[in-house]
Amino acid sequence: MSEQTGTATEEFDLIVVGGGHAGCEAALAAARLGVRTALFSLNIDRIAWQPCNPAVGGPAKSQLVHEVDALGGVIGQLADRTAIQKRVLNASRGPADRALRAQTDKRDYSRKMLELLEAEELIALREAMVSELLIEGDEAAIANWEPGTAANGRIQGVKTYFGSVYRSKAVVITAGTFLAGRIWVGHQSMPAGRAGEQAAEGLSESLRRWGFELGRLKTGTPARVDRRSIDFRVLEEQPSDASDRFFSFNRKF
């Protein structure tokens, strides 16, 4: 039994759902291992698009960036190439508390990531909303499935919101805040991934049908300040203090 399998539009070895930091790294890593990969994004123009605060690194996170770089990832290299300002946070504390943080040019970062993806022959970029996992499984087991238990099945691919089917032996989901995302502004709420961008609908229900437990992750954004209300003449500029520090070990990138 399968979930509305249909005729395949294309076939790949791996499908990655979501074009943020994690999805781009997953697709690049797979392609460099010789795996034919499709990377799905709701909007190709927003590949690796950073949120309202386009920063890489910071406490705890800078260590992860260094580790991804050591494993062959590109986030550290792109952060170094597109950095506008770098600072060492918690500099007055011990070495274990210090962290490198870079404010990056979000448009340049996204553009350079897209160039890397397009240069990989084994990566196919697809602009579509993945709304359903296609899984071969036991129809009786699915009918008698109880929440909290796993339903056995084998992944066959994905189906998009408009009905296109893509076959694959494996699927990696890196949907982030877009997965059935909602945004609140004051007391008003609406489906959204980031402000002004649509949420990924349907995939959450498909995951639940196969025994995955889903939770909610809340993030918060402070109120914006109108620059016209600020007298910058009385403010102290905070310059970069770590222009000679880097996230990546690769200086030839």
Protein backbone atom coordinates (compact mmCIF):
# COMPACT_ATOMS: atom_id res chain seq x y z
CA MET A 1 0.00 0.00 0.00
CA SER A 2 1.26 3.52 -0.69
CA GLU A 3 0.09 7.09 -0.14
CA GLN A 4 -1.19 8.13 -3.59
CA THR A 5 2.04 7.23 -5.34
CA GLY A 6 1.16 8.22 -8.93
CA THR A 7 3.54 8.45 -11.86
CA ALA A 8 7.00 9.74 -11.06
CA THR A 9 8.02 13.10 -12.52
CA GLU A 10 11.70 12.44 -11.77
CA GLU A 11 13.82 9.98 -9.81
CA PHE A 12 16.78 10.67 -7.52
CA ASP A 13 18.92 8.83 -5.00
CA LEU A 14 18.19 11.45 -2.31
CA ILE A 15 15.64 14.21 -1.83
CA VAL A 16 16.37 17.08 0.58
CA VAL A 17 13.35 19.12 1.65
CA GLY A 18 14.27 22.65 2.68
CA GLY A 19 16.92 25.04 1.39
CA GLY A 20 18.24 26.61 4.58
CA HIS A 21 21.69 26.07 6.11
CA ALA A 22 21.05 22.41 6.95
CA GLY A 23 19.44 21.52 3.64
CA CYS A 24 22.19 23.12 1.57
CA GLU A 25 24.91 21.37 3.58
CA ALA A 26 23.09 18.03 3.27
CA ALA A 27 22.69 18.39 -0.50
CA LEU A 28 26.32 19.41 -1.03
CA ALA A 29 27.65 16.61 1.17
CA ALA A 30 25.54 14.02 -0.65
CA ALA A 31 26.48 15.25 -4.12
CA ARG A 32 30.17 15.20 -3.26
CA LEU A 33 29.75 11.56 -2.26
CA GLY A 34 28.35 10.78 -5.69
CA VAL A 35 24.66 10.78 -4.73
CA ARG A 36 22.12 12.17 -7.23
CA THR A 37 20.27 14.72 -5.12
CA ALA A 38 17.23 16.95 -5.49
CA LEU A 39 17.00 19.98 -3.20
CA PHE A 40 13.46 21.33 -2.79
CA SER A 41 12.83 24.91 -1.75
CA LEU A 42 9.65 26.95 -1.65
CA ASN A 43 11.56 29.78 -3.31
CA ILE A 44 14.90 29.30 -5.10
CA ASP A 45 15.60 33.02 -4.65
CA ARG A 46 15.59 32.42 -0.88
CA ILE A 47 18.14 29.58 -0.81
CA ALA A 48 20.21 29.89 2.41
CA TRP A 49 18.36 33.14 3.17
CA GLN A 50 19.20 34.33 6.65
CA PRO A 51 16.50 35.75 8.93
CA CYS A 52 16.12 39.24 10.34
CA ASN A 53 19.48 38.96 12.13
CA PRO A 54 21.94 37.72 9.49
CA ALA A 55 24.57 36.42 11.88
CA VAL A 56 26.71 33.29 11.92
CA GLY A 57 28.25 32.00 15.12
CA GLY A 58 27.90 33.35 18.62
CA PRO A 59 27.89 31.47 21.95
CA ALA A 60 27.72 27.68 21.38
CA LYS A 61 26.86 28.18 17.69
CA SER A 62 30.38 29.19 16.62
CA GLN A 63 31.63 25.78 17.77
CA LEU A 64 29.06 24.09 15.54
CA VAL A 65 30.18 26.20 12.57
CA HIS A 66 33.80 25.13 13.16
CA GLU A 67 32.73 21.48 13.41
CA VAL A 68 30.71 21.64 10.18
CA ASP A 69 33.72 23.22 8.49
CA ALA A 70 36.00 20.44 9.76
CA LEU A 71 33.60 17.90 8.26
CA GLY A 72 33.76 19.57 4.84
CA GLY A 73 30.77 21.92 5.08
CA VAL A 74 30.65 25.41 3.60
CA ILE A 75 28.88 27.63 6.16
CA GLY A 76 32.17 28.76 7.72
CA GLN A 77 33.72 29.53 4.33
CA LEU A 78 30.72 31.56 3.19
CA ALA A 79 30.53 33.40 6.52
CA ASP A 80 34.18 34.42 6.15
CA ARG A 81 33.64 35.55 2.55
CA THR A 82 30.48 37.58 3.21
CA ALA A 83 31.22 38.97 6.67
CA ILE A 84 30.50 42.66 7.22
CA GLN A 85 31.61 42.72 10.85
CA LYS A 86 33.23 40.16 13.15
CA ARG A 87 33.49 40.25 16.90
CA VAL A 88 34.63 37.96 19.68
CA LEU A 89 31.83 37.70 22.23
CA ASN A 90 32.49 37.18 25.96
CA ALA A 91 36.08 38.33 25.42
CA SER A 92 36.44 39.24 29.11
CA ARG A 93 35.75 35.65 30.16
CA GLY A 94 37.76 32.48 29.84
CA PRO A 95 38.57 30.79 26.50
CA ALA A 96 35.71 28.30 26.89
CA ASP A 97 33.17 31.16 26.97
CA ARG A 98 34.50 33.14 24.02
CA ALA A 99 32.75 32.89 20.68
CA LEU A 100 33.30 34.31 17.22
CA ARG A 101 30.29 35.96 15.58
CA ALA A 102 29.99 37.42 12.10
CA GLN A 103 27.31 39.74 10.78
CA THR A 104 27.04 38.79 7.11
CA ASP A 105 25.66 40.29 3.93
CA LYS A 106 22.54 38.10 3.64
CA ARG A 107 22.04 38.72 -0.08
CA ASP A 108 25.67 37.94 -0.92
CA TYR A 109 25.61 34.85 1.32
CA SER A 110 22.50 33.50 -0.41
CA ARG A 111 23.89 34.25 -3.86
CA LYS A 112 27.18 32.49 -3.18
CA MET A 113 25.43 29.44 -1.74
CA LEU A 114 23.21 29.23 -4.82
CA GLU A 115 26.32 29.39 -7.03
CA LEU A 116 27.84 26.46 -5.14
CA LEU A 117 24.68 24.38 -5.48
CA GLU A 118 24.32 25.14 -9.18
CA ALA A 119 27.96 24.17 -9.79
CA GLU A 120 27.35 20.62 -8.49
CA GLU A 121 26.32 18.40 -11.41
CA LEU A 122 24.59 15.91 -9.11
CA ILE A 123 22.31 18.51 -7.48
CA ALA A 124 18.97 19.40 -9.05
CA LEU A 125 17.19 22.43 -7.59
CA ARG A 126 13.41 22.19 -7.54
CA GLU A 127 11.02 24.98 -6.49
CA ALA A 128 7.97 23.32 -4.97
CA MET A 129 6.19 22.63 -1.69
CA VAL A 130 6.64 19.02 -0.58
CA SER A 131 3.38 18.11 1.12
CA GLU A 132 3.48 14.34 1.42
CA LEU A 133 5.88 11.44 1.99
CA LEU A 134 5.31 8.46 -0.30
CA ILE A 135 5.84 5.30 1.74
CA GLU A 136 5.23 1.65 0.94
CA GLY A 137 3.80 -0.06 3.99
CA ASP A 138 1.28 -2.46 5.46
CA GLU A 139 -2.25 -1.13 4.90
CA ALA A 140 -3.62 -3.00 7.93
CA ALA A 141 -0.87 -1.63 10.17
CA ILE A 142 -1.60 1.89 8.99
CA ALA A 143 -5.34 1.48 9.60
CA ASN A 144 -4.70 0.27 13.18
CA TRP A 145 -1.93 2.72 13.93
CA GLU A 146 -1.95 4.29 17.39
CA PRO A 147 -0.31 7.62 18.29
CA GLY A 148 3.12 7.16 19.84
CA THR A 149 3.91 3.99 17.88
CA ALA A 150 5.92 3.75 14.68
CA ALA A 151 4.41 2.47 11.46
CA ASN A 152 6.82 0.37 9.42
CA GLY A 153 7.33 1.35 5.82
CA ARG A 154 9.90 2.10 3.14
CA ILE A 155 10.28 5.56 1.68
CA GLN A 156 9.48 5.82 -2.03
CA GLY A 157 9.72 9.55 -2.57
CA VAL A 158 7.63 12.68 -2.08
CA LYS A 159 4.57 14.37 -3.50
CA THR A 160 4.25 18.13 -3.96
CA TYR A 161 1.31 20.36 -3.16
CA PHE A 162 0.21 20.42 -6.80
CA GLY A 163 0.48 16.65 -7.22
CA SER A 164 3.88 16.05 -8.82
CA VAL A 165 5.62 12.86 -7.65
CA TYR A 166 9.39 12.52 -7.18
CA ARG A 167 10.88 9.10 -6.45
CA SER A 168 13.83 8.62 -4.14
CA LYS A 169 15.47 5.97 -1.97
CA ALA A 170 15.88 8.44 0.92
CA VAL A 171 14.44 11.75 2.08
CA VAL A 172 16.08 14.30 4.38
CA ILE A 173 13.72 16.88 5.90
CA THR A 174 15.25 20.21 6.89
CA ALA A 175 12.10 22.35 6.81
CA GLY A 176 12.94 24.36 9.93
CA THR A 177 10.39 26.96 10.98
CA PHE A 178 8.46 26.52 7.71
CA LEU A 179 6.99 23.13 8.73
CA ALA A 180 3.36 24.07 9.52
CA GLY A 181 4.77 27.38 10.70
CA ARG A 182 2.76 30.24 12.16
CA ILE A 183 3.69 33.82 12.80
CA TRP A 184 2.23 36.07 15.49
CA VAL A 185 2.13 39.84 15.30
CA GLY A 186 0.60 41.12 18.50
CA HIS A 187 -2.58 39.12 19.00
CA GLN A 188 -2.95 38.22 15.31
CA SER A 189 -1.69 34.94 13.85
CA MET A 190 -1.33 33.52 10.34
CA PRO A 191 0.48 30.61 8.63
CA ALA A 192 4.00 31.66 7.61
CA GLY A 193 7.57 30.42 7.47
CA ARG A 194 9.33 33.75 7.81
CA ALA A 195 7.55 37.09 7.69
CA GLY A 196 6.18 37.50 4.18
CA GLU A 197 6.81 33.87 3.17
CA GLN A 198 4.39 30.96 3.09
CA ALA A 199 4.52 28.01 5.46
CA ALA A 200 5.04 24.40 4.34
CA GLU A 201 1.61 22.80 4.55
CA GLY A 202 0.68 19.12 4.51
CA LEU A 203 4.02 17.52 5.35
CA SER A 204 3.34 17.63 9.09
CA GLU A 205 0.20 15.53 8.70
CA SER A 206 2.05 13.06 6.50
CA LEU A 207 4.70 12.66 9.21
CA ARG A 208 2.07 12.18 11.90
CA ARG A 209 0.40 9.44 9.88
CA TRP A 210 3.64 7.48 10.03
CA GLY A 211 4.12 7.73 13.78
CA PHE A 212 6.33 10.78 14.13
CA GLU A 213 5.61 13.00 17.13
CA LEU A 214 5.76 16.70 16.29
CA GLY A 215 6.27 19.57 18.70
CA ARG A 216 6.42 23.33 18.47
CA LEU A 217 9.54 25.50 18.53
CA LYS A 218 8.99 29.13 19.40
CA THR A 219 11.31 31.91 18.32
CA GLY A 220 10.89 35.57 19.10
CA THR A 221 11.79 38.78 17.30
CA PRO A 222 11.94 42.13 19.11
CA ALA A 223 10.07 45.14 17.83
CA ARG A 224 11.73 47.04 14.99
CA VAL A 225 13.09 50.54 15.60
CA ASP A 226 12.54 53.24 12.99
CA ARG A 227 16.00 54.60 12.14
CA ARG A 228 14.44 58.05 11.62
CA SER A 229 13.73 58.13 15.36
CA ILE A 230 17.41 57.67 16.31
CA ASP A 231 20.09 60.35 16.61
CA PHE A 232 23.12 58.37 15.49
CA ARG A 233 25.44 61.29 16.30
CA VAL A 234 25.24 60.54 20.01
CA LEU A 235 25.85 56.80 19.62
CA GLU A 236 29.19 55.04 19.83
CA GLU A 237 30.16 52.95 16.81
CA GLN A 238 31.03 49.34 17.53
CA PRO A 239 33.73 48.35 15.02
CA SER A 240 34.84 44.87 14.09
CA ASP A 241 37.45 43.53 16.50
CA ALA A 242 38.07 40.13 14.88
CA SER A 243 38.83 40.76 11.21
CA ASP A 244 41.80 38.40 11.57
CA ARG A 245 39.65 35.56 12.96
CA PHE A 246 37.98 32.97 10.72
CA PHE A 247 35.35 30.26 10.95
CA SER A 248 36.93 28.11 8.27
CA PHE A 249 40.24 26.34 8.19
CA ASN A 250 40.19 26.70 4.39
CA ARG A 251 41.84 29.96 3.34
CA LYS A 252 41.81 29.13 -0.40
CA PHE A 253 38.03 29.16 -0.80
